[in-house]
Amino acid sequence: VKQVANLTLVSSACGVVSTAYASTKESHPYLRSVCDAAEKGVRSVSEATASCVQPVLATLEPHVVAASEYASKGLDKLGEKLPILQKPVEQILSDTKELVSSRVADVKDAVSS
């Protein structure tokens, strides 16, 4: 999970979503109340679940470690094959806009000639 969260694309996307969420809460008082209640509920459920799951996780720890290592190797290979994962969302959007603009310009030139 940490390795996925540290991917540039994922961490920048989380930042964008977090900023939008905070902005929405700030701008809309009714939504803020709903969001605050939901956050409180999630915290309560997380705390209750953590205490119940802890003994199970201790038992499964060797299997979790093996799965984690396997997933880590898979993510490394995925990162090699998909370099887009190392780019922030803003750069991907900018690159996409440039590519589309370039293609539109090429089409306009082809049509006009």
N, C-alpha and C. Protein backbone atom coordinates (compact mmCIF):
# COMPACT_ATOMS: atom_id res chain seq x y z
N VAL A 1 0.83 -1.19 0.00
CA VAL A 1 0.00 0.00 0.00
C VAL A 1 0.87 1.25 0.00
N LYS A 2 1.93 1.22 0.79
CA LYS A 2 2.83 2.38 0.82
C LYS A 2 3.47 2.63 -0.53
N GLN A 3 3.86 1.53 -1.19
CA GLN A 3 4.51 1.67 -2.49
C GLN A 3 3.55 2.27 -3.51
N VAL A 4 2.30 1.84 -3.50
CA VAL A 4 1.30 2.40 -4.41
C VAL A 4 1.06 3.87 -4.07
N ALA A 5 0.94 4.18 -2.79
CA ALA A 5 0.69 5.56 -2.37
C ALA A 5 1.85 6.48 -2.74
N ASN A 6 3.06 5.93 -2.83
CA ASN A 6 4.22 6.74 -3.17
C ASN A 6 4.42 6.94 -4.67
N LEU A 7 3.64 6.25 -5.49
CA LEU A 7 3.72 6.50 -6.94
C LEU A 7 3.31 7.95 -7.19
N THR A 8 4.06 8.63 -8.01
CA THR A 8 3.81 10.05 -8.26
C THR A 8 2.38 10.30 -8.72
N LEU A 9 1.89 9.48 -9.64
CA LEU A 9 0.54 9.66 -10.15
C LEU A 9 -0.49 9.51 -9.03
N VAL A 10 -0.33 8.48 -8.21
CA VAL A 10 -1.29 8.22 -7.14
C VAL A 10 -1.24 9.32 -6.09
N SER A 11 -0.04 9.69 -5.65
CA SER A 11 0.06 10.70 -4.60
C SER A 11 -0.43 12.06 -5.09
N SER A 12 -0.15 12.41 -6.34
CA SER A 12 -0.64 13.70 -6.84
C SER A 12 -2.15 13.67 -7.04
N ALA A 13 -2.69 12.53 -7.47
CA ALA A 13 -4.14 12.41 -7.60
C ALA A 13 -4.82 12.53 -6.23
N CYS A 14 -4.23 11.89 -5.22
CA CYS A 14 -4.77 12.02 -3.87
C CYS A 14 -4.73 13.47 -3.40
N GLY A 15 -3.67 14.16 -3.74
CA GLY A 15 -3.57 15.58 -3.38
C GLY A 15 -4.64 16.41 -4.04
N VAL A 16 -4.90 16.15 -5.32
CA VAL A 16 -5.94 16.87 -6.06
C VAL A 16 -7.31 16.60 -5.44
N VAL A 17 -7.58 15.34 -5.15
CA VAL A 17 -8.88 14.97 -4.55
C VAL A 17 -9.01 15.58 -3.16
N SER A 18 -7.95 15.55 -2.39
CA SER A 18 -7.98 16.10 -1.04
C SER A 18 -8.24 17.60 -1.07
N THR A 19 -7.60 18.30 -1.98
CA THR A 19 -7.80 19.74 -2.13
C THR A 19 -9.23 20.04 -2.54
N ALA A 20 -9.76 19.28 -3.48
CA ALA A 20 -11.14 19.48 -3.92
C ALA A 20 -12.12 19.20 -2.79
N TYR A 21 -11.86 18.15 -2.02
CA TYR A 21 -12.71 17.80 -0.89
C TYR A 21 -12.71 18.91 0.16
N ALA A 22 -11.52 19.38 0.51
CA ALA A 22 -11.41 20.45 1.51
C ALA A 22 -12.09 21.73 1.01
N SER A 23 -11.91 22.04 -0.25
CA SER A 23 -12.52 23.24 -0.83
C SER A 23 -14.04 23.13 -0.82
N THR A 24 -14.54 21.94 -1.16
CA THR A 24 -15.99 21.73 -1.18
C THR A 24 -16.56 21.85 0.22
N LYS A 25 -15.87 21.26 1.20
CA LYS A 25 -16.33 21.37 2.59
C LYS A 25 -16.36 22.83 3.05
N GLU A 26 -15.36 23.56 2.63
CA GLU A 26 -15.24 24.97 3.03
C GLU A 26 -16.33 25.82 2.38
N SER A 27 -16.67 25.50 1.16
CA SER A 27 -17.62 26.32 0.39
C SER A 27 -19.08 26.02 0.67
N HIS A 28 -19.37 24.81 1.14
CA HIS A 28 -20.76 24.39 1.31
C HIS A 28 -21.00 23.91 2.74
N PRO A 29 -21.59 24.75 3.59
CA PRO A 29 -21.78 24.40 5.00
C PRO A 29 -22.60 23.13 5.21
N TYR A 30 -23.62 22.89 4.37
CA TYR A 30 -24.44 21.69 4.55
C TYR A 30 -23.62 20.44 4.25
N LEU A 31 -22.83 20.49 3.19
CA LEU A 31 -21.98 19.36 2.87
C LEU A 31 -20.92 19.15 3.95
N ARG A 32 -20.45 20.25 4.54
CA ARG A 32 -19.45 20.14 5.59
C ARG A 32 -20.00 19.31 6.75
N SER A 33 -21.26 19.55 7.12
CA SER A 33 -21.87 18.79 8.21
C SER A 33 -21.95 17.31 7.87
N VAL A 34 -22.36 17.01 6.65
CA VAL A 34 -22.46 15.62 6.21
C VAL A 34 -21.08 14.97 6.19
N CYS A 35 -20.11 15.68 5.64
CA CYS A 35 -18.74 15.15 5.55
C CYS A 35 -18.15 14.93 6.94
N ASP A 36 -18.36 15.88 7.84
CA ASP A 36 -17.85 15.73 9.20
C ASP A 36 -18.45 14.51 9.88
N ALA A 37 -19.74 14.30 9.70
CA ALA A 37 -20.40 13.12 10.28
C ALA A 37 -19.85 11.84 9.66
N ALA A 38 -19.66 11.84 8.35
CA ALA A 38 -19.11 10.65 7.67
C ALA A 38 -17.69 10.37 8.14
N GLU A 39 -16.89 11.41 8.28
CA GLU A 39 -15.51 11.23 8.75
C GLU A 39 -15.49 10.65 10.17
N LYS A 40 -16.37 11.15 11.02
CA LYS A 40 -16.44 10.65 12.39
C LYS A 40 -16.84 9.17 12.38
N GLY A 41 -17.79 8.81 11.55
CA GLY A 41 -18.21 7.41 11.43
C GLY A 41 -17.09 6.52 10.94
N VAL A 42 -16.36 6.98 9.94
CA VAL A 42 -15.25 6.19 9.41
C VAL A 42 -14.17 6.00 10.47
N ARG A 43 -13.87 7.06 11.22
CA ARG A 43 -12.88 6.94 12.29
C ARG A 43 -13.32 5.91 13.33
N SER A 44 -14.58 5.96 13.73
CA SER A 44 -15.09 5.01 14.72
C SER A 44 -15.03 3.57 14.22
N VAL A 45 -15.47 3.37 12.98
CA VAL A 45 -15.44 2.02 12.40
C VAL A 45 -14.00 1.54 12.26
N SER A 46 -13.10 2.43 11.86
CA SER A 46 -11.69 2.06 11.69
C SER A 46 -11.08 1.64 13.02
N GLU A 47 -11.36 2.40 14.07
CA GLU A 47 -10.82 2.06 15.38
C GLU A 47 -11.36 0.73 15.88
N ALA A 48 -12.65 0.51 15.71
CA ALA A 48 -13.27 -0.75 16.15
C ALA A 48 -12.73 -1.93 15.34
N THR A 49 -12.59 -1.74 14.04
CA THR A 49 -12.10 -2.80 13.17
C THR A 49 -10.64 -3.13 13.48
N ALA A 50 -9.85 -2.10 13.73
CA ALA A 50 -8.42 -2.32 14.00
C ALA A 50 -8.23 -3.22 15.20
N SER A 51 -8.99 -3.01 16.26
CA SER A 51 -8.82 -3.84 17.46
C SER A 51 -9.26 -5.28 17.22
N CYS A 52 -10.27 -5.48 16.38
CA CYS A 52 -10.74 -6.85 16.08
C CYS A 52 -9.82 -7.57 15.11
N VAL A 53 -9.26 -6.85 14.18
CA VAL A 53 -8.47 -7.46 13.11
C VAL A 53 -7.03 -7.73 13.55
N GLN A 54 -6.55 -7.03 14.53
CA GLN A 54 -5.16 -7.15 14.96
C GLN A 54 -4.75 -8.60 15.26
N PRO A 55 -5.53 -9.37 16.02
CA PRO A 55 -5.12 -10.77 16.26
C PRO A 55 -5.07 -11.62 14.98
N VAL A 56 -5.98 -11.37 14.07
CA VAL A 56 -5.99 -12.11 12.81
C VAL A 56 -4.76 -11.75 11.98
N LEU A 57 -4.43 -10.48 11.95
CA LEU A 57 -3.25 -10.05 11.20
C LEU A 57 -1.97 -10.64 11.77
N ALA A 58 -1.90 -10.75 13.09
CA ALA A 58 -0.72 -11.35 13.70
C ALA A 58 -0.56 -12.80 13.24
N THR A 59 -1.65 -13.50 13.12
CA THR A 59 -1.62 -14.89 12.68
C THR A 59 -1.23 -14.99 11.21
N LEU A 60 -1.72 -14.08 10.42
CA LEU A 60 -1.48 -14.12 8.98
C LEU A 60 -0.21 -13.39 8.54
N GLU A 61 0.54 -12.84 9.48
CA GLU A 61 1.69 -12.00 9.14
C GLU A 61 2.66 -12.62 8.15
N PRO A 62 3.07 -13.88 8.30
CA PRO A 62 4.00 -14.45 7.31
C PRO A 62 3.42 -14.46 5.89
N HIS A 63 2.14 -14.71 5.79
CA HIS A 63 1.49 -14.73 4.47
C HIS A 63 1.38 -13.31 3.91
N VAL A 64 1.10 -12.36 4.78
CA VAL A 64 0.99 -10.96 4.36
C VAL A 64 2.35 -10.46 3.87
N VAL A 65 3.42 -10.84 4.56
CA VAL A 65 4.76 -10.44 4.15
C VAL A 65 5.09 -11.00 2.77
N ALA A 66 4.78 -12.27 2.55
CA ALA A 66 5.04 -12.90 1.25
C ALA A 66 4.24 -12.22 0.14
N ALA A 67 2.97 -11.97 0.42
CA ALA A 67 2.12 -11.29 -0.57
C ALA A 67 2.63 -9.88 -0.84
N SER A 68 3.09 -9.22 0.19
CA SER A 68 3.60 -7.86 0.05
C SER A 68 4.85 -7.83 -0.84
N GLU A 69 5.74 -8.78 -0.63
CA GLU A 69 6.95 -8.86 -1.45
C GLU A 69 6.60 -9.13 -2.91
N TYR A 70 5.67 -10.04 -3.13
CA TYR A 70 5.23 -10.37 -4.49
C TYR A 70 4.59 -9.15 -5.16
N ALA A 71 3.73 -8.46 -4.41
CA ALA A 71 3.08 -7.26 -4.95
C ALA A 71 4.10 -6.17 -5.24
N SER A 72 5.09 -6.04 -4.38
CA SER A 72 6.13 -5.02 -4.57
C SER A 72 6.90 -5.26 -5.88
N LYS A 73 7.25 -6.52 -6.12
CA LYS A 73 7.96 -6.84 -7.37
C LYS A 73 7.07 -6.55 -8.58
N GLY A 74 5.78 -6.88 -8.46
CA GLY A 74 4.85 -6.59 -9.55
C GLY A 74 4.71 -5.10 -9.81
N LEU A 75 4.67 -4.33 -8.74
CA LEU A 75 4.57 -2.87 -8.90
C LEU A 75 5.84 -2.29 -9.53
N ASP A 76 6.99 -2.86 -9.17
CA ASP A 76 8.24 -2.40 -9.80
C ASP A 76 8.20 -2.64 -11.30
N LYS A 77 7.76 -3.83 -11.71
CA LYS A 77 7.67 -4.14 -13.14
C LYS A 77 6.63 -3.25 -13.82
N LEU A 78 5.52 -3.02 -13.15
CA LEU A 78 4.48 -2.15 -13.70
C LEU A 78 5.01 -0.74 -13.90
N GLY A 79 5.77 -0.25 -12.92
CA GLY A 79 6.37 1.08 -13.02
C GLY A 79 7.32 1.21 -14.18
N GLU A 80 8.05 0.11 -14.48
CA GLU A 80 8.97 0.11 -15.62
C GLU A 80 8.21 0.16 -16.94
N LYS A 81 7.09 -0.56 -17.00
CA LYS A 81 6.33 -0.65 -18.25
C LYS A 81 5.40 0.55 -18.46
N LEU A 82 5.02 1.21 -17.37
CA LEU A 82 4.12 2.36 -17.46
C LEU A 82 4.76 3.58 -16.81
N PRO A 83 5.64 4.26 -17.52
CA PRO A 83 6.31 5.42 -16.94
C PRO A 83 5.35 6.55 -16.55
N ILE A 84 4.12 6.49 -17.05
CA ILE A 84 3.12 7.52 -16.71
C ILE A 84 2.85 7.52 -15.20
N LEU A 85 3.08 6.39 -14.53
CA LEU A 85 2.86 6.30 -13.09
C LEU A 85 3.82 7.19 -12.31
N GLN A 86 4.90 7.61 -12.95
CA GLN A 86 5.89 8.46 -12.28
C GLN A 86 5.66 9.94 -12.55
N LYS A 87 4.54 10.27 -13.21
CA LYS A 87 4.24 11.67 -13.53
C LYS A 87 3.06 12.14 -12.68
N PRO A 88 3.10 13.41 -12.26
CA PRO A 88 1.94 13.95 -11.52
C PRO A 88 0.75 14.18 -12.45
N VAL A 89 -0.42 14.20 -11.87
CA VAL A 89 -1.66 14.38 -12.63
C VAL A 89 -1.59 15.64 -13.48
N GLU A 90 -1.09 16.72 -12.91
CA GLU A 90 -1.03 17.99 -13.63
C GLU A 90 -0.22 17.86 -14.91
N GLN A 91 0.91 17.16 -14.84
CA GLN A 91 1.76 16.99 -16.02
C GLN A 91 1.07 16.12 -17.06
N ILE A 92 0.38 15.08 -16.62
CA ILE A 92 -0.34 14.21 -17.55
C ILE A 92 -1.42 15.00 -18.27
N LEU A 93 -2.16 15.83 -17.54
CA LEU A 93 -3.19 16.65 -18.17
C LEU A 93 -2.58 17.64 -19.15
N SER A 94 -1.49 18.26 -18.76
CA SER A 94 -0.81 19.21 -19.63
C SER A 94 -0.30 18.53 -20.90
N ASP A 95 0.34 17.37 -20.73
CA ASP A 95 0.85 16.62 -21.90
C ASP A 95 -0.30 16.21 -22.82
N THR A 96 -1.41 15.80 -22.23
CA THR A 96 -2.57 15.38 -23.03
C THR A 96 -3.13 16.56 -23.81
N LYS A 97 -3.25 17.72 -23.16
CA LYS A 97 -3.75 18.91 -23.85
C LYS A 97 -2.83 19.28 -25.01
N GLU A 98 -1.52 19.22 -24.77
CA GLU A 98 -0.57 19.54 -25.84
C GLU A 98 -0.70 18.56 -27.00
N LEU A 99 -0.84 17.29 -26.69
CA LEU A 99 -0.97 16.27 -27.73
C LEU A 99 -2.24 16.49 -28.55
N VAL A 100 -3.35 16.76 -27.86
CA VAL A 100 -4.61 16.99 -28.56
C VAL A 100 -4.51 18.25 -29.42
N SER A 101 -3.94 19.32 -28.88
CA SER A 101 -3.78 20.56 -29.65
C SER A 101 -2.93 20.33 -30.89
N SER A 102 -1.87 19.55 -30.73
CA SER A 102 -0.99 19.26 -31.84
C SER A 102 -1.73 18.47 -32.92
N ARG A 103 -2.48 17.48 -32.50
CA ARG A 103 -3.24 16.65 -33.46
C ARG A 103 -4.31 17.48 -34.17
N VAL A 104 -4.97 18.35 -33.43
CA VAL A 104 -6.00 19.21 -34.03
C VAL A 104 -5.35 20.15 -35.05
N ALA A 105 -4.19 20.68 -34.70
CA ALA A 105 -3.48 21.56 -35.63
C ALA A 105 -3.08 20.79 -36.89
N ASP A 106 -2.62 19.55 -36.72
CA ASP A 106 -2.25 18.72 -37.88
C ASP A 106 -3.47 18.48 -38.77
N VAL A 107 -4.61 18.20 -38.15
CA VAL A 107 -5.83 17.96 -38.93
C VAL A 107 -6.25 19.24 -39.66
N LYS A 108 -6.17 20.37 -38.99
CA LYS A 108 -6.53 21.66 -39.62
C LYS A 108 -5.63 21.92 -40.83
N ASP A 109 -4.33 21.66 -40.66
CA ASP A 109 -3.40 21.87 -41.77
C ASP A 109 -3.71 20.94 -42.93
N ALA A 110 -4.02 19.69 -42.61
CA ALA A 110 -4.32 18.72 -43.66
C ALA A 110 -5.60 19.11 -44.39
N VAL A 111 -6.60 19.58 -43.67
CA VAL A 111 -7.87 19.97 -44.27
C VAL A 111 -7.69 21.22 -45.13
N SER A 112 -6.93 22.18 -44.63
CA SER A 112 -6.77 23.43 -45.37
C SER A 112 -5.92 23.23 -46.62
N SER A 113 -5.04 22.25 -46.64
CA SER A 113 -4.23 22.04 -47.85
C SER A 113 -4.94 21.05 -48.75
